[in-house]
Amino acid sequence: GTEMHFILVDHGRSERLAMEDFWYSLKCIRCGACMNTCPVYRRSGGLSYGGTYSGPIGAIINPTFDLKRYSALPFASTLNGSCTNVCPVKINIHEQIYKWRTVIAERHEVPFVKQEVLKMAGRLLASPTLYRATVSSMGGALRRLPNFVLYNPLNIWGRQRELPEAPKLTFHAWYKKNRGDGNGNA
């Protein structure tokens, strides 16, 4: 003599199911394996994702709800694939993160500052000489930069974080010194 009511909440799942590249994320069982293996998540923690879903899976689920708000998440990844390797339901997480980057760029949702930083990084990484010179000089710069430049109200990343000590030698300098051809050449 009683009634039972079921309320099914879709919460955007039907829309995600229709997304050819992103429907795989619906398989997620929230086990946390991707978060445990992700080097970025382990350093930054869950609160830095700013949404309900954190970690690598959050980087592909959150943009489906609000692309503008979560457009930075897919760029906060190394794309090393360890999240995909440990996923028990075999979600191709790192591939979906890369596809979100493409979608965000196509929809012009990449903030101007990030666009410019990515352009500069592209130029820097395209030139081995420029890259090595920059890396060599950064160790000294990091030791000399005053904390107020890195840890100020405008730099959200700097809150509650400390920069690690810069290594005394870059890998390239160490290799030249220890493993070169005997003449100091790599």
N, C-alpha and C. Protein backbone atom coordinates (compact mmCIF):
# COMPACT_ATOMS: atom_id res chain seq x y z
N GLY A 1 0.80 -1.20 0.00
CA GLY A 1 0.00 0.00 0.00
C GLY A 1 0.84 1.27 0.00
N THR A 2 2.16 1.17 -0.28
CA THR A 2 2.99 2.38 -0.33
C THR A 2 3.50 2.59 -1.74
N GLU A 3 4.00 3.77 -1.97
CA GLU A 3 4.57 4.08 -3.28
C GLU A 3 6.07 4.30 -3.13
N MET A 4 6.80 3.91 -4.15
CA MET A 4 8.24 4.16 -4.18
C MET A 4 8.53 5.01 -5.41
N HIS A 5 9.27 6.08 -5.23
CA HIS A 5 9.61 6.98 -6.33
C HIS A 5 11.11 6.91 -6.59
N PHE A 6 11.48 6.80 -7.83
CA PHE A 6 12.88 6.84 -8.24
C PHE A 6 13.11 8.12 -9.00
N ILE A 7 14.14 8.82 -8.63
CA ILE A 7 14.52 10.04 -9.35
C ILE A 7 15.89 9.78 -9.97
N LEU A 8 15.94 9.79 -11.27
CA LEU A 8 17.19 9.58 -11.99
C LEU A 8 17.77 10.93 -12.38
N VAL A 9 18.99 11.17 -11.97
CA VAL A 9 19.65 12.44 -12.27
C VAL A 9 20.70 12.18 -13.35
N ASP A 10 20.55 12.83 -14.45
CA ASP A 10 21.45 12.63 -15.58
C ASP A 10 22.77 13.36 -15.39
N HIS A 11 22.70 14.57 -14.88
CA HIS A 11 23.87 15.42 -14.61
C HIS A 11 24.83 15.51 -15.81
N GLY A 12 24.29 15.65 -16.99
CA GLY A 12 25.11 15.84 -18.18
C GLY A 12 25.66 14.56 -18.80
N ARG A 13 25.27 13.40 -18.26
CA ARG A 13 25.83 12.15 -18.78
C ARG A 13 25.35 11.84 -20.20
N SER A 14 24.12 12.17 -20.52
CA SER A 14 23.61 11.93 -21.88
C SER A 14 24.39 12.76 -22.89
N GLU A 15 24.68 13.99 -22.52
CA GLU A 15 25.47 14.85 -23.42
C GLU A 15 26.87 14.28 -23.61
N ARG A 16 27.49 13.81 -22.52
CA ARG A 16 28.83 13.22 -22.62
C ARG A 16 28.81 11.93 -23.42
N LEU A 17 27.74 11.16 -23.29
CA LEU A 17 27.61 9.92 -24.04
C LEU A 17 27.59 10.19 -25.54
N ALA A 18 27.06 11.34 -25.92
CA ALA A 18 27.01 11.71 -27.34
C ALA A 18 28.35 12.26 -27.84
N MET A 19 29.29 12.54 -26.94
CA MET A 19 30.60 13.07 -27.36
C MET A 19 31.49 11.89 -27.75
N GLU A 20 31.77 11.79 -29.02
CA GLU A 20 32.51 10.64 -29.55
C GLU A 20 33.84 10.40 -28.85
N ASP A 21 34.56 11.44 -28.53
CA ASP A 21 35.89 11.29 -27.93
C ASP A 21 35.86 11.16 -26.41
N PHE A 22 34.78 11.52 -25.75
CA PHE A 22 34.80 11.63 -24.29
C PHE A 22 33.83 10.72 -23.55
N TRP A 23 33.07 9.90 -24.25
CA TRP A 23 32.10 9.06 -23.56
C TRP A 23 32.76 7.99 -22.69
N TYR A 24 34.02 7.66 -22.97
CA TYR A 24 34.72 6.64 -22.19
C TYR A 24 34.82 7.02 -20.70
N SER A 25 34.83 8.31 -20.43
CA SER A 25 34.94 8.74 -19.03
C SER A 25 33.74 8.31 -18.19
N LEU A 26 32.63 7.96 -18.84
CA LEU A 26 31.46 7.48 -18.11
C LEU A 26 31.71 6.11 -17.47
N LYS A 27 32.74 5.41 -17.91
CA LYS A 27 33.07 4.11 -17.34
C LYS A 27 33.75 4.22 -15.97
N CYS A 28 34.18 5.41 -15.59
CA CYS A 28 34.96 5.60 -14.37
C CYS A 28 34.21 5.09 -13.14
N ILE A 29 34.90 4.30 -12.31
CA ILE A 29 34.31 3.76 -11.09
C ILE A 29 34.81 4.52 -9.85
N ARG A 30 35.51 5.64 -10.05
CA ARG A 30 36.02 6.50 -8.98
C ARG A 30 36.93 5.75 -8.01
N CYS A 31 37.80 4.92 -8.54
CA CYS A 31 38.70 4.13 -7.68
C CYS A 31 39.89 4.95 -7.19
N GLY A 32 40.27 6.00 -7.93
CA GLY A 32 41.39 6.85 -7.52
C GLY A 32 42.74 6.38 -8.01
N ALA A 33 42.81 5.32 -8.80
CA ALA A 33 44.11 4.82 -9.28
C ALA A 33 44.83 5.87 -10.11
N CYS A 34 44.11 6.59 -10.95
CA CYS A 34 44.75 7.60 -11.79
C CYS A 34 45.34 8.72 -10.94
N MET A 35 44.65 9.06 -9.85
CA MET A 35 45.15 10.12 -8.98
C MET A 35 46.40 9.68 -8.22
N ASN A 36 46.43 8.42 -7.81
CA ASN A 36 47.58 7.92 -7.06
C ASN A 36 48.85 7.85 -7.89
N THR A 37 48.72 7.70 -9.19
CA THR A 37 49.90 7.57 -10.03
C THR A 37 50.30 8.89 -10.72
N CYS A 38 49.40 9.84 -10.76
CA CYS A 38 49.64 11.08 -11.49
C CYS A 38 50.66 11.97 -10.77
N PRO A 39 51.79 12.31 -11.42
CA PRO A 39 52.77 13.17 -10.75
C PRO A 39 52.26 14.59 -10.49
N VAL A 40 51.42 15.10 -11.36
CA VAL A 40 50.88 16.45 -11.17
C VAL A 40 49.91 16.46 -9.99
N TYR A 41 49.00 15.50 -9.94
CA TYR A 41 48.03 15.44 -8.84
C TYR A 41 48.72 15.23 -7.50
N ARG A 42 49.74 14.38 -7.48
CA ARG A 42 50.43 14.12 -6.22
C ARG A 42 51.09 15.38 -5.69
N ARG A 43 51.55 16.25 -6.57
CA ARG A 43 52.20 17.51 -6.14
C ARG A 43 51.18 18.58 -5.79
N SER A 44 50.08 18.66 -6.56
CA SER A 44 49.15 19.78 -6.39
C SER A 44 48.01 19.47 -5.43
N GLY A 45 47.57 18.23 -5.37
CA GLY A 45 46.45 17.88 -4.50
C GLY A 45 45.11 18.16 -5.15
N GLY A 46 44.07 17.63 -4.56
CA GLY A 46 42.74 17.70 -5.16
C GLY A 46 42.09 19.06 -5.19
N LEU A 47 42.37 19.90 -4.19
CA LEU A 47 41.69 21.18 -4.13
C LEU A 47 42.10 22.12 -5.26
N SER A 48 43.26 21.91 -5.84
CA SER A 48 43.71 22.80 -6.90
C SER A 48 42.92 22.61 -8.19
N TYR A 49 42.13 21.54 -8.30
CA TYR A 49 41.34 21.31 -9.50
C TYR A 49 40.07 22.16 -9.52
N GLY A 50 39.62 22.63 -8.36
CA GLY A 50 38.51 23.55 -8.30
C GLY A 50 37.15 22.96 -8.66
N GLY A 51 37.04 21.66 -8.76
CA GLY A 51 35.76 21.03 -9.09
C GLY A 51 35.54 19.79 -8.25
N THR A 52 34.39 19.18 -8.46
CA THR A 52 34.05 17.97 -7.71
C THR A 52 35.01 16.83 -8.04
N TYR A 53 35.32 16.69 -9.31
CA TYR A 53 36.18 15.60 -9.75
C TYR A 53 37.61 16.12 -9.86
N SER A 54 38.53 15.43 -9.23
CA SER A 54 39.92 15.88 -9.28
C SER A 54 40.78 14.82 -9.96
N GLY A 55 42.04 15.14 -10.11
CA GLY A 55 42.97 14.21 -10.73
C GLY A 55 42.79 14.16 -12.24
N PRO A 56 43.45 13.21 -12.88
CA PRO A 56 43.36 13.10 -14.33
C PRO A 56 41.93 12.90 -14.83
N ILE A 57 41.14 12.11 -14.11
CA ILE A 57 39.75 11.90 -14.54
C ILE A 57 38.97 13.21 -14.44
N GLY A 58 39.29 14.04 -13.46
CA GLY A 58 38.65 15.34 -13.33
C GLY A 58 38.99 16.28 -14.47
N ALA A 59 40.19 16.11 -15.02
CA ALA A 59 40.62 16.95 -16.14
C ALA A 59 39.82 16.66 -17.40
N ILE A 60 39.16 15.49 -17.46
CA ILE A 60 38.32 15.20 -18.63
C ILE A 60 36.83 15.28 -18.32
N ILE A 61 36.45 15.12 -17.05
CA ILE A 61 35.02 15.20 -16.71
C ILE A 61 34.59 16.64 -16.49
N ASN A 62 35.36 17.43 -15.73
CA ASN A 62 34.96 18.80 -15.40
C ASN A 62 34.73 19.69 -16.61
N PRO A 63 35.56 19.65 -17.67
CA PRO A 63 35.28 20.52 -18.82
C PRO A 63 33.95 20.24 -19.52
N THR A 64 33.39 19.03 -19.35
CA THR A 64 32.09 18.77 -19.98
C THR A 64 30.98 19.55 -19.30
N PHE A 65 31.19 19.94 -18.03
CA PHE A 65 30.18 20.71 -17.32
C PHE A 65 30.31 22.20 -17.60
N ASP A 66 31.54 22.72 -17.63
CA ASP A 66 31.76 24.15 -17.84
C ASP A 66 33.13 24.33 -18.47
N LEU A 67 33.16 24.39 -19.78
CA LEU A 67 34.43 24.44 -20.51
C LEU A 67 35.24 25.68 -20.17
N LYS A 68 34.59 26.82 -20.06
CA LYS A 68 35.33 28.05 -19.77
C LYS A 68 35.98 27.99 -18.38
N ARG A 69 35.24 27.53 -17.39
CA ARG A 69 35.76 27.49 -16.02
C ARG A 69 36.90 26.48 -15.86
N TYR A 70 36.80 25.35 -16.53
CA TYR A 70 37.78 24.28 -16.35
C TYR A 70 38.73 24.12 -17.55
N SER A 71 38.88 25.16 -18.33
CA SER A 71 39.71 25.06 -19.53
C SER A 71 41.20 24.87 -19.22
N ALA A 72 41.63 25.21 -18.02
CA ALA A 72 43.05 25.06 -17.67
C ALA A 72 43.40 23.62 -17.27
N LEU A 73 42.43 22.84 -16.81
CA LEU A 73 42.74 21.51 -16.28
C LEU A 73 43.44 20.58 -17.26
N PRO A 74 42.99 20.46 -18.52
CA PRO A 74 43.70 19.55 -19.42
C PRO A 74 45.15 19.95 -19.71
N PHE A 75 45.48 21.21 -19.46
CA PHE A 75 46.85 21.65 -19.68
C PHE A 75 47.75 21.38 -18.48
N ALA A 76 47.16 21.00 -17.36
CA ALA A 76 47.93 20.69 -16.15
C ALA A 76 48.19 19.18 -16.11
N SER A 77 48.84 18.68 -17.13
CA SER A 77 49.11 17.25 -17.23
C SER A 77 50.40 17.04 -18.01
N THR A 78 51.14 16.00 -17.64
CA THR A 78 52.36 15.69 -18.37
C THR A 78 52.10 14.79 -19.56
N LEU A 79 50.89 14.23 -19.64
CA LEU A 79 50.51 13.28 -20.69
C LEU A 79 51.45 12.07 -20.71
N ASN A 80 51.93 11.65 -19.54
CA ASN A 80 52.86 10.52 -19.49
C ASN A 80 52.16 9.18 -19.63
N GLY A 81 50.84 9.13 -19.49
CA GLY A 81 50.09 7.91 -19.72
C GLY A 81 49.99 6.96 -18.54
N SER A 82 50.58 7.30 -17.40
CA SER A 82 50.52 6.39 -16.26
C SER A 82 49.08 6.23 -15.77
N CYS A 83 48.26 7.27 -15.90
CA CYS A 83 46.86 7.18 -15.48
C CYS A 83 46.12 6.14 -16.33
N THR A 84 46.37 6.14 -17.61
CA THR A 84 45.75 5.16 -18.49
C THR A 84 46.23 3.76 -18.17
N ASN A 85 47.51 3.62 -17.87
CA ASN A 85 48.07 2.30 -17.59
C ASN A 85 47.48 1.66 -16.34
N VAL A 86 47.15 2.45 -15.33
CA VAL A 86 46.64 1.87 -14.08
C VAL A 86 45.12 1.82 -14.00
N CYS A 87 44.43 2.41 -14.94
CA CYS A 87 42.97 2.45 -14.89
C CYS A 87 42.40 1.04 -15.02
N PRO A 88 41.65 0.59 -14.00
CA PRO A 88 41.12 -0.78 -14.04
C PRO A 88 40.05 -1.00 -15.11
N VAL A 89 39.39 0.08 -15.57
CA VAL A 89 38.38 -0.08 -16.61
C VAL A 89 38.89 0.41 -17.97
N LYS A 90 40.19 0.62 -18.06
CA LYS A 90 40.88 0.92 -19.32
C LYS A 90 40.37 2.17 -20.04
N ILE A 91 40.15 3.24 -19.28
CA ILE A 91 39.80 4.52 -19.89
C ILE A 91 41.09 5.13 -20.43
N ASN A 92 41.05 5.61 -21.64
CA ASN A 92 42.22 6.23 -22.27
C ASN A 92 42.36 7.69 -21.81
N ILE A 93 42.67 7.85 -20.55
CA ILE A 93 42.63 9.16 -19.90
C ILE A 93 43.58 10.15 -20.56
N HIS A 94 44.83 9.77 -20.77
CA HIS A 94 45.78 10.74 -21.31
C HIS A 94 45.42 11.14 -22.74
N GLU A 95 44.82 10.25 -23.50
CA GLU A 95 44.38 10.61 -24.86
C GLU A 95 43.21 11.59 -24.81
N GLN A 96 42.32 11.38 -23.85
CA GLN A 96 41.18 12.30 -23.72
C GLN A 96 41.64 13.67 -23.23
N ILE A 97 42.64 13.70 -22.36
CA ILE A 97 43.18 14.99 -21.91
C ILE A 97 43.75 15.74 -23.12
N TYR A 98 44.49 15.03 -23.96
CA TYR A 98 45.05 15.66 -25.17
C TYR A 98 43.93 16.15 -26.09
N LYS A 99 42.87 15.36 -26.25
CA LYS A 99 41.75 15.78 -27.10
C LYS A 99 41.05 17.01 -26.53
N TRP A 100 40.95 17.10 -25.19
CA TRP A 100 40.36 18.30 -24.60
C TRP A 100 41.22 19.52 -24.92
N ARG A 101 42.52 19.35 -24.90
CA ARG A 101 43.40 20.49 -25.26
C ARG A 101 43.06 20.97 -26.66
N THR A 102 42.86 20.04 -27.57
CA THR A 102 42.53 20.40 -28.96
C THR A 102 41.19 21.12 -29.02
N VAL A 103 40.18 20.59 -28.34
CA VAL A 103 38.85 21.22 -28.33
C VAL A 103 38.93 22.63 -27.75
N ILE A 104 39.64 22.78 -26.66
CA ILE A 104 39.76 24.09 -26.01
C ILE A 104 40.44 25.09 -26.93
N ALA A 105 41.48 24.65 -27.62
CA ALA A 105 42.18 25.54 -28.56
C ALA A 105 41.28 25.90 -29.75
N GLU A 106 40.55 24.92 -30.28
CA GLU A 106 39.65 25.18 -31.41
C GLU A 106 38.53 26.14 -31.05
N ARG A 107 38.06 26.09 -29.82
CA ARG A 107 36.98 26.96 -29.37
C ARG A 107 37.50 28.28 -28.80
N HIS A 108 38.78 28.51 -28.92
CA HIS A 108 39.44 29.75 -28.46
C HIS A 108 39.17 30.02 -26.99
N GLU A 109 39.24 28.98 -26.17
CA GLU A 109 39.05 29.11 -24.73
C GLU A 109 40.37 29.14 -23.97
N VAL A 110 41.49 29.11 -24.69
CA VAL A 110 42.79 29.18 -24.02
C VAL A 110 43.03 30.64 -23.66
N PRO A 111 43.25 30.95 -22.38
CA PRO A 111 43.49 32.34 -21.99
C PRO A 111 44.71 32.93 -22.73
N PHE A 112 44.67 34.23 -22.94
CA PHE A 112 45.72 34.92 -23.69
C PHE A 112 47.11 34.67 -23.09
N VAL A 113 47.22 34.77 -21.78
CA VAL A 113 48.52 34.59 -21.12
C VAL A 113 49.05 33.19 -21.39
N LYS A 114 48.18 32.18 -21.29
CA LYS A 114 48.61 30.81 -21.55
C LYS A 114 49.03 30.64 -23.01
N GLN A 115 48.31 31.27 -23.93
CA GLN A 115 48.68 31.21 -25.35
C GLN A 115 50.09 31.74 -25.56
N GLU A 116 50.37 32.88 -24.96
CA GLU A 116 51.69 33.49 -25.13
C GLU A 116 52.79 32.64 -24.47
N VAL A 117 52.49 32.10 -23.29
CA VAL A 117 53.48 31.25 -22.61
C VAL A 117 53.76 30.00 -23.45
N LEU A 118 52.71 29.42 -24.04
CA LEU A 118 52.91 28.24 -24.87
C LEU A 118 53.72 28.56 -26.13
N LYS A 119 53.50 29.74 -26.70
CA LYS A 119 54.31 30.15 -27.86
C LYS A 119 55.78 30.30 -27.48
N MET A 120 56.02 30.96 -26.33
CA MET A 120 57.40 31.13 -25.87
C MET A 120 58.04 29.77 -25.57
N ALA A 121 57.29 28.88 -24.94
CA ALA A 121 57.81 27.55 -24.63
C ALA A 121 58.12 26.80 -25.91
N GLY A 122 57.29 26.96 -26.92
CA GLY A 122 57.54 26.31 -28.22
C GLY A 122 58.85 26.78 -28.84
N ARG A 123 59.07 28.10 -28.80
CA ARG A 123 60.33 28.64 -29.34
C ARG A 123 61.53 28.15 -28.53
N LEU A 124 61.38 28.15 -27.22
CA LEU A 124 62.46 27.71 -26.34
C LEU A 124 62.80 26.24 -26.57
N LEU A 125 61.79 25.40 -26.62
CA LEU A 125 62.02 23.97 -26.79
C LEU A 125 62.47 23.60 -28.20
N ALA A 126 62.25 24.46 -29.17
CA ALA A 126 62.67 24.20 -30.54
C ALA A 126 64.17 24.45 -30.74
N SER A 127 64.79 25.15 -29.82
CA SER A 127 66.20 25.49 -29.95
C SER A 127 67.00 24.86 -28.79
N PRO A 128 67.74 23.78 -29.04
CA PRO A 128 68.52 23.16 -27.97
C PRO A 128 69.50 24.12 -27.30
N THR A 129 70.12 24.99 -28.07
CA THR A 129 71.09 25.92 -27.50
C THR A 129 70.40 26.90 -26.56
N LEU A 130 69.30 27.48 -27.01
CA LEU A 130 68.54 28.42 -26.19
C LEU A 130 67.99 27.71 -24.94
N TYR A 131 67.50 26.49 -25.10
CA TYR A 131 66.96 25.73 -23.98
C TYR A 131 68.04 25.49 -22.92
N ARG A 132 69.21 25.02 -23.35
CA ARG A 132 70.28 24.72 -22.39
C ARG A 132 70.76 25.98 -21.68
N ALA A 133 70.85 27.08 -22.41
CA ALA A 133 71.27 28.34 -21.79
C ALA A 133 70.24 28.80 -20.75
N THR A 134 68.96 28.66 -21.09
CA THR A 134 67.90 29.06 -20.16
C THR A 134 67.92 28.20 -18.91
N VAL A 135 68.03 26.89 -19.09
CA VAL A 135 68.03 25.97 -17.95
C VAL A 135 69.23 26.25 -17.06
N SER A 136 70.39 26.49 -17.65
CA SER A 136 71.59 26.78 -16.86
C SER A 136 71.44 28.05 -16.04
N SER A 137 70.80 29.04 -16.61
CA SER A 137 70.66 30.31 -15.90
C SER A 137 69.53 30.29 -14.87
N MET A 138 68.57 29.41 -15.01
CA MET A 138 67.43 29.39 -14.11
C MET A 138 67.80 28.98 -12.68
N GLY A 139 68.77 28.10 -12.53
CA GLY A 139 69.17 27.69 -11.19
C GLY A 139 69.61 28.88 -10.36
N GLY A 140 70.45 29.71 -10.94
CA GLY A 140 70.90 30.91 -10.25
C GLY A 140 69.77 31.90 -10.02
N ALA A 141 68.92 32.04 -11.01
CA ALA A 141 67.80 32.97 -10.88
C ALA A 141 66.85 32.54 -9.77
N LEU A 142 66.59 31.23 -9.66
CA LEU A 142 65.68 30.75 -8.61
C LEU A 142 66.25 30.97 -7.22
N ARG A 143 67.57 30.89 -7.10
CA ARG A 143 68.18 31.13 -5.78
C ARG A 143 68.15 32.61 -5.42
N ARG A 144 68.14 33.47 -6.43
CA ARG A 144 68.23 34.91 -6.17
C ARG A 144 66.88 35.63 -6.19
N LEU A 145 65.87 35.04 -6.81
CA LEU A 145 64.57 35.73 -6.90
C LEU A 145 63.98 35.92 -5.51
N PRO A 146 63.55 37.10 -5.21
CA PRO A 146 62.92 37.30 -3.90
C PRO A 146 61.56 36.59 -3.85
N ASN A 147 61.19 36.18 -2.67
CA ASN A 147 59.94 35.43 -2.50
C ASN A 147 58.71 36.23 -2.90
N PHE A 148 58.75 37.55 -2.79
CA PHE A 148 57.54 38.30 -3.12
C PHE A 148 57.20 38.22 -4.60
N VAL A 149 58.17 37.92 -5.45
CA VAL A 149 57.89 37.78 -6.88
C VAL A 149 57.11 36.48 -7.12
N LEU A 150 57.53 35.41 -6.44
CA LEU A 150 56.88 34.12 -6.64
C LEU A 150 55.63 33.94 -5.79
N TYR A 151 55.65 34.48 -4.57
CA TYR A 151 54.55 34.26 -3.65
C TYR A 151 53.83 35.57 -3.35
N ASN A 152 53.01 35.97 -4.27
CA ASN A 152 52.23 37.18 -4.08
C ASN A 152 50.76 36.87 -4.37
N PRO A 153 49.85 37.75 -4.03
CA PRO A 153 48.42 37.47 -4.23
C PRO A 153 48.03 37.20 -5.69
N LEU A 154 48.81 37.68 -6.64
CA LEU A 154 48.48 37.46 -8.05
C LEU A 154 48.91 36.07 -8.53
N ASN A 155 49.83 35.45 -7.82
CA ASN A 155 50.32 34.13 -8.22
C ASN A 155 49.64 33.07 -7.36
N ILE A 156 48.52 32.57 -7.84
CA ILE A 156 47.74 31.59 -7.08
C ILE A 156 48.54 30.32 -6.84
N TRP A 157 49.35 29.92 -7.80
CA TRP A 157 50.14 28.70 -7.68
C TRP A 157 51.05 28.75 -6.47
N GLY A 158 51.56 29.91 -6.14
CA GLY A 158 52.53 30.01 -5.06
C GLY A 158 51.97 29.84 -3.66
N ARG A 159 50.65 29.91 -3.53
CA ARG A 159 50.05 29.76 -2.20
C ARG A 159 50.31 28.35 -1.67
N GLN A 160 50.83 28.28 -0.47
CA GLN A 160 51.05 27.02 0.25
C GLN A 160 51.99 26.06 -0.50
N ARG A 161 52.90 26.58 -1.30
CA ARG A 161 53.86 25.74 -2.00
C ARG A 161 55.25 26.35 -1.86
N GLU A 162 56.23 25.51 -1.89
CA GLU A 162 57.62 25.94 -1.88
C GLU A 162 58.29 25.40 -3.13
N LEU A 163 59.12 26.20 -3.74
CA LEU A 163 59.87 25.71 -4.89
C LEU A 163 60.96 24.74 -4.42
N PRO A 164 61.16 23.66 -5.16
CA PRO A 164 62.24 22.75 -4.79
C PRO A 164 63.59 23.40 -5.10
N GLU A 165 64.63 22.91 -4.44
CA GLU A 165 65.98 23.39 -4.72
C GLU A 165 66.36 23.04 -6.14
N ALA A 166 66.97 23.95 -6.83
CA ALA A 166 67.45 23.68 -8.18
C ALA A 166 68.70 22.81 -8.11
N PRO A 167 68.83 21.82 -8.98
CA PRO A 167 70.04 20.99 -8.96
C PRO A 167 71.27 21.81 -9.32
N LYS A 168 72.42 21.41 -8.80
CA LYS A 168 73.65 22.15 -9.06
C LYS A 168 74.08 22.04 -10.52
N LEU A 169 73.84 20.87 -11.13
CA LEU A 169 74.18 20.65 -12.54
C LEU A 169 72.93 20.24 -13.31
N THR A 170 72.82 20.71 -14.54
CA THR A 170 71.76 20.19 -15.40
C THR A 170 72.18 18.80 -15.85
N PHE A 171 71.24 18.02 -16.36
CA PHE A 171 71.59 16.69 -16.84
C PHE A 171 72.61 16.79 -17.97
N HIS A 172 72.41 17.73 -18.86
CA HIS A 172 73.32 17.88 -19.99
C HIS A 172 74.73 18.20 -19.52
N ALA A 173 74.85 19.10 -18.55
CA ALA A 173 76.18 19.45 -18.02
C ALA A 173 76.80 18.25 -17.31
N TRP A 174 76.02 17.51 -16.54
CA TRP A 174 76.53 16.32 -15.88
C TRP A 174 77.00 15.29 -16.89
N TYR A 175 76.23 15.10 -17.96
CA TYR A 175 76.59 14.12 -18.99
C TYR A 175 77.88 14.52 -19.69
N LYS A 176 77.99 15.81 -20.03
CA LYS A 176 79.22 16.28 -20.67
C LYS A 176 80.43 16.04 -19.78
N LYS A 177 80.25 16.26 -18.49
CA LYS A 177 81.35 16.12 -17.54
C LYS A 177 81.72 14.66 -17.30
N ASN A 178 80.72 13.79 -17.16
CA ASN A 178 80.97 12.41 -16.75
C ASN A 178 80.93 11.37 -17.86
N ARG A 179 80.20 11.61 -18.90
CA ARG A 179 79.99 10.57 -19.91
C ARG A 179 80.33 11.00 -21.32
N GLY A 180 80.86 12.17 -21.49
CA GLY A 180 81.16 12.67 -22.83
C GLY A 180 82.22 11.82 -23.51
N ASP A 181 82.65 12.27 -24.65
CA ASP A 181 83.62 11.49 -25.44
C ASP A 181 85.06 11.60 -24.93
N GLY A 182 85.25 12.10 -23.74
CA GLY A 182 86.58 12.25 -23.19
C GLY A 182 87.12 13.66 -23.35
N ASN A 183 86.55 14.38 -24.31
CA ASN A 183 86.94 15.76 -24.57
C ASN A 183 85.92 16.75 -23.99
N GLY A 184 84.99 16.21 -23.22
CA GLY A 184 83.94 17.08 -22.65
C GLY A 184 82.79 17.30 -23.59
N ASN A 185 82.74 16.56 -24.71
CA ASN A 185 81.65 16.70 -25.70
C ASN A 185 80.59 15.63 -25.47
N ALA A 186 79.37 16.02 -25.62
CA ALA A 186 78.26 15.06 -25.42
C ALA A 186 78.08 14.17 -26.62
